[in-house]
Amino acid sequence: MTALKYDELPVTHVNAGTERRLGHTDNLMIVIVDFTDGPKAEPDPPHRHPHEQVSYIAEGEVIFVLGEEKTHLKPGDIVVVPSNVPHSVQVLTERARLVDCFTPIREDFLT
């Protein structure tokens, strides 16, 4: 068993107000994304990737944009993102935490 403690995970500063911590196996990755610069008036620019993604809203509220669909999500909600579908998030509260799982792992997050 490998236990990873949140406070001991390396932090990647994605941009001002967004931090990322992660753990992974050979085929599955979990990423904790902390937003501290909300609320935002607009969603972040959309992006897409070949990885399948499941996101759990652990803290705060967001609008998740998946393709053309916008959904208001709160703690406990989950969104499933198929491979190569454009998506983005708009943080509605001062802080938000999303827990993302990816398969295969995001090699781009390891560099």
C-alpha atoms as a PDB file:
ATOM      1  CA  MET A   1       0.000   0.000   0.000  1.00  0.00           C
ATOM      2  CA  THR A   2       1.149   3.488  -0.782  1.00  0.00           C
ATOM      3  CA  ALA A   3      -0.410   6.235   1.319  1.00  0.00           C
ATOM      4  CA  LEU A   4      -0.083   9.812   0.125  1.00  0.00           C
ATOM      5  CA  LYS A   5      -0.778  12.621   2.578  1.00  0.00           C
ATOM      6  CA  TYR A   6      -2.241  15.825   1.155  1.00  0.00           C
ATOM      7  CA  ASP A   7       0.123  18.110   3.090  1.00  0.00           C
ATOM      8  CA  GLU A   8       3.148  16.156   1.851  1.00  0.00           C
ATOM      9  CA  LEU A   9       2.240  16.078  -1.858  1.00  0.00           C
ATOM     10  CA  PRO A  10       4.326  18.273  -4.162  1.00  0.00           C
ATOM     11  CA  VAL A  11       2.418  21.364  -5.291  1.00  0.00           C
ATOM     12  CA  THR A  12       2.301  22.584  -8.884  1.00  0.00           C
ATOM     13  CA  HIS A  13       1.192  26.205  -9.255  1.00  0.00           C
ATOM     14  CA  VAL A  14      -0.847  26.084 -12.445  1.00  0.00           C
ATOM     15  CA  ASN A  15      -1.457  29.843 -12.370  1.00  0.00           C
ATOM     16  CA  ALA A  16      -2.202  32.534  -9.808  1.00  0.00           C
ATOM     17  CA  GLY A  17      -4.957  31.066  -7.640  1.00  0.00           C
ATOM     18  CA  THR A  18      -4.773  27.454  -8.888  1.00  0.00           C
ATOM     19  CA  GLU A  19      -2.715  24.651  -7.327  1.00  0.00           C
ATOM     20  CA  ARG A  20      -2.494  20.994  -8.284  1.00  0.00           C
ATOM     21  CA  ARG A  21      -1.419  17.913  -6.267  1.00  0.00           C
ATOM     22  CA  LEU A  22      -1.387  14.400  -7.690  1.00  0.00           C
ATOM     23  CA  GLY A  23      -0.828  10.707  -7.192  1.00  0.00           C
ATOM     24  CA  HIS A  24      -0.872   7.909  -9.744  1.00  0.00           C
ATOM     25  CA  THR A  25      -0.339   4.285 -10.671  1.00  0.00           C
ATOM     26  CA  ASP A  26       0.747   3.115 -14.109  1.00  0.00           C
ATOM     27  CA  ASN A  27      -2.797   3.547 -15.490  1.00  0.00           C
ATOM     28  CA  LEU A  28      -4.780   5.848 -13.204  1.00  0.00           C
ATOM     29  CA  MET A  29      -4.156   9.353 -11.866  1.00  0.00           C
ATOM     30  CA  ILE A  30      -5.863  11.377  -9.139  1.00  0.00           C
ATOM     31  CA  VAL A  31      -5.396  15.138  -9.152  1.00  0.00           C
ATOM     32  CA  ILE A  32      -6.547  17.535  -6.422  1.00  0.00           C
ATOM     33  CA  VAL A  33      -7.095  21.000  -7.866  1.00  0.00           C
ATOM     34  CA  ASP A  34      -7.492  23.912  -5.437  1.00  0.00           C
ATOM     35  CA  PHE A  35      -8.878  27.208  -6.721  1.00  0.00           C
ATOM     36  CA  THR A  36      -8.438  30.220  -4.409  1.00  0.00           C
ATOM     37  CA  ASP A  37      -9.167  33.124  -6.756  1.00  0.00           C
ATOM     38  CA  GLY A  38     -12.949  32.949  -7.118  1.00  0.00           C
ATOM     39  CA  PRO A  39     -15.547  33.862  -7.801  1.00  0.00           C
ATOM     40  CA  LYS A  40     -14.957  34.306 -11.522  1.00  0.00           C
ATOM     41  CA  ALA A  41     -17.212  36.118 -13.970  1.00  0.00           C
ATOM     42  CA  GLU A  42     -16.471  33.719 -16.842  1.00  0.00           C
ATOM     43  CA  PRO A  43     -15.385  30.106 -17.319  1.00  0.00           C
ATOM     44  CA  ASP A  44     -11.726  29.329 -17.931  1.00  0.00           C
ATOM     45  CA  PRO A  45     -10.890  28.761 -21.606  1.00  0.00           C
ATOM     46  CA  PRO A  46     -12.029  25.309 -22.746  1.00  0.00           C
ATOM     47  CA  HIS A  47      -9.511  22.544 -23.278  1.00  0.00           C
ATOM     48  CA  ARG A  48      -9.602  18.902 -24.345  1.00  0.00           C
ATOM     49  CA  HIS A  49      -7.388  15.848 -23.966  1.00  0.00           C
ATOM     50  CA  PRO A  50      -7.459  12.180 -24.960  1.00  0.00           C
ATOM     51  CA  HIS A  51      -7.810  11.049 -21.329  1.00  0.00           C
ATOM     52  CA  GLU A  52     -11.117  10.033 -19.797  1.00  0.00           C
ATOM     53  CA  GLN A  53     -11.843  12.158 -16.711  1.00  0.00           C
ATOM     54  CA  VAL A  54     -14.163  11.977 -13.715  1.00  0.00           C
ATOM     55  CA  SER A  55     -14.310  15.049 -11.451  1.00  0.00           C
ATOM     56  CA  TYR A  56     -15.698  15.187  -7.909  1.00  0.00           C
ATOM     57  CA  ILE A  57     -16.593  18.561  -6.409  1.00  0.00           C
ATOM     58  CA  ALA A  58     -15.144  18.427  -2.888  1.00  0.00           C
ATOM     59  CA  GLU A  59     -15.513  22.100  -1.921  1.00  0.00           C
ATOM     60  CA  GLY A  60     -17.158  25.240  -3.296  1.00  0.00           C
ATOM     61  CA  GLU A  61     -19.449  25.645  -6.261  1.00  0.00           C
ATOM     62  CA  VAL A  62     -18.635  25.713  -9.951  1.00  0.00           C
ATOM     63  CA  ILE A  63     -20.242  25.822 -13.328  1.00  0.00           C
ATOM     64  CA  PHE A  64     -18.822  22.957 -15.347  1.00  0.00           C
ATOM     65  CA  VAL A  65     -18.942  23.453 -19.093  1.00  0.00           C
ATOM     66  CA  LEU A  66     -18.919  20.192 -21.057  1.00  0.00           C
ATOM     67  CA  GLY A  67     -19.230  20.739 -24.785  1.00  0.00           C
ATOM     68  CA  GLU A  68     -22.162  23.155 -25.075  1.00  0.00           C
ATOM     69  CA  GLU A  69     -23.748  22.123 -21.751  1.00  0.00           C
ATOM     70  CA  LYS A  70     -23.307  24.195 -18.556  1.00  0.00           C
ATOM     71  CA  THR A  71     -24.123  22.628 -15.182  1.00  0.00           C
ATOM     72  CA  HIS A  72     -24.050  24.212 -11.705  1.00  0.00           C
ATOM     73  CA  LEU A  73     -22.275  21.781  -9.367  1.00  0.00           C
ATOM     74  CA  LYS A  74     -21.818  21.790  -5.595  1.00  0.00           C
ATOM     75  CA  PRO A  75     -19.964  19.567  -3.097  1.00  0.00           C
ATOM     76  CA  GLY A  76     -20.728  15.897  -3.647  1.00  0.00           C
ATOM     77  CA  ASP A  77     -21.521  16.277  -7.346  1.00  0.00           C
ATOM     78  CA  ILE A  78     -19.618  14.399 -10.051  1.00  0.00           C
ATOM     79  CA  VAL A  79     -19.071  15.090 -13.731  1.00  0.00           C
ATOM     80  CA  VAL A  80     -17.864  12.553 -16.305  1.00  0.00           C
ATOM     81  CA  VAL A  81     -15.763  13.910 -19.192  1.00  0.00           C
ATOM     82  CA  PRO A  82     -15.329  11.639 -22.214  1.00  0.00           C
ATOM     83  CA  SER A  83     -12.107  11.638 -24.199  1.00  0.00           C
ATOM     84  CA  ASN A  84     -11.501  14.692 -26.436  1.00  0.00           C
ATOM     85  CA  VAL A  85     -14.654  16.609 -25.392  1.00  0.00           C
ATOM     86  CA  PRO A  86     -13.997  20.335 -24.779  1.00  0.00           C
ATOM     87  CA  HIS A  87     -14.607  21.356 -21.168  1.00  0.00           C
ATOM     88  CA  SER A  88     -13.886  24.094 -18.644  1.00  0.00           C
ATOM     89  CA  VAL A  89     -14.841  25.311 -15.195  1.00  0.00           C
ATOM     90  CA  GLN A  90     -16.081  28.593 -13.748  1.00  0.00           C
ATOM     91  CA  VAL A  91     -15.477  28.964 -10.006  1.00  0.00           C
ATOM     92  CA  LEU A  92     -18.512  30.550  -8.296  1.00  0.00           C
ATOM     93  CA  THR A  93     -17.172  30.704  -4.720  1.00  0.00           C
ATOM     94  CA  GLU A  94     -14.024  32.168  -3.184  1.00  0.00           C
ATOM     95  CA  ARG A  95     -12.501  28.676  -2.935  1.00  0.00           C
ATOM     96  CA  ALA A  96     -13.203  25.428  -4.729  1.00  0.00           C
ATOM     97  CA  ARG A  97     -11.593  21.981  -4.712  1.00  0.00           C
ATOM     98  CA  LEU A  98     -12.047  19.449  -7.485  1.00  0.00           C
ATOM     99  CA  VAL A  99     -10.727  15.909  -7.323  1.00  0.00           C
ATOM    100  CA  ASP A 100     -10.054  14.688 -10.858  1.00  0.00           C
ATOM    101  CA  CYS A 101      -9.305  11.119 -11.920  1.00  0.00           C
ATOM    102  CA  PHE A 102      -7.735  10.405 -15.308  1.00  0.00           C
ATOM    103  CA  THR A 103      -7.086   7.306 -17.350  1.00  0.00           C
ATOM    104  CA  PRO A 104      -4.586   6.891 -18.820  1.00  0.00           C
ATOM    105  CA  ILE A 105      -2.409   9.067 -16.611  1.00  0.00           C
ATOM    106  CA  ARG A 106      -1.653  12.650 -17.664  1.00  0.00           C
ATOM    107  CA  GLU A 107       2.017  12.385 -18.591  1.00  0.00           C
ATOM    108  CA  ASP A 108       1.963  16.164 -19.212  1.00  0.00           C
ATOM    109  CA  PHE A 109       1.270  16.706 -15.488  1.00  0.00           C
ATOM    110  CA  LEU A 110       4.433  14.786 -14.527  1.00  0.00           C
ATOM    111  CA  THR A 111       6.855  17.151 -16.251  1.00  0.00           C
END
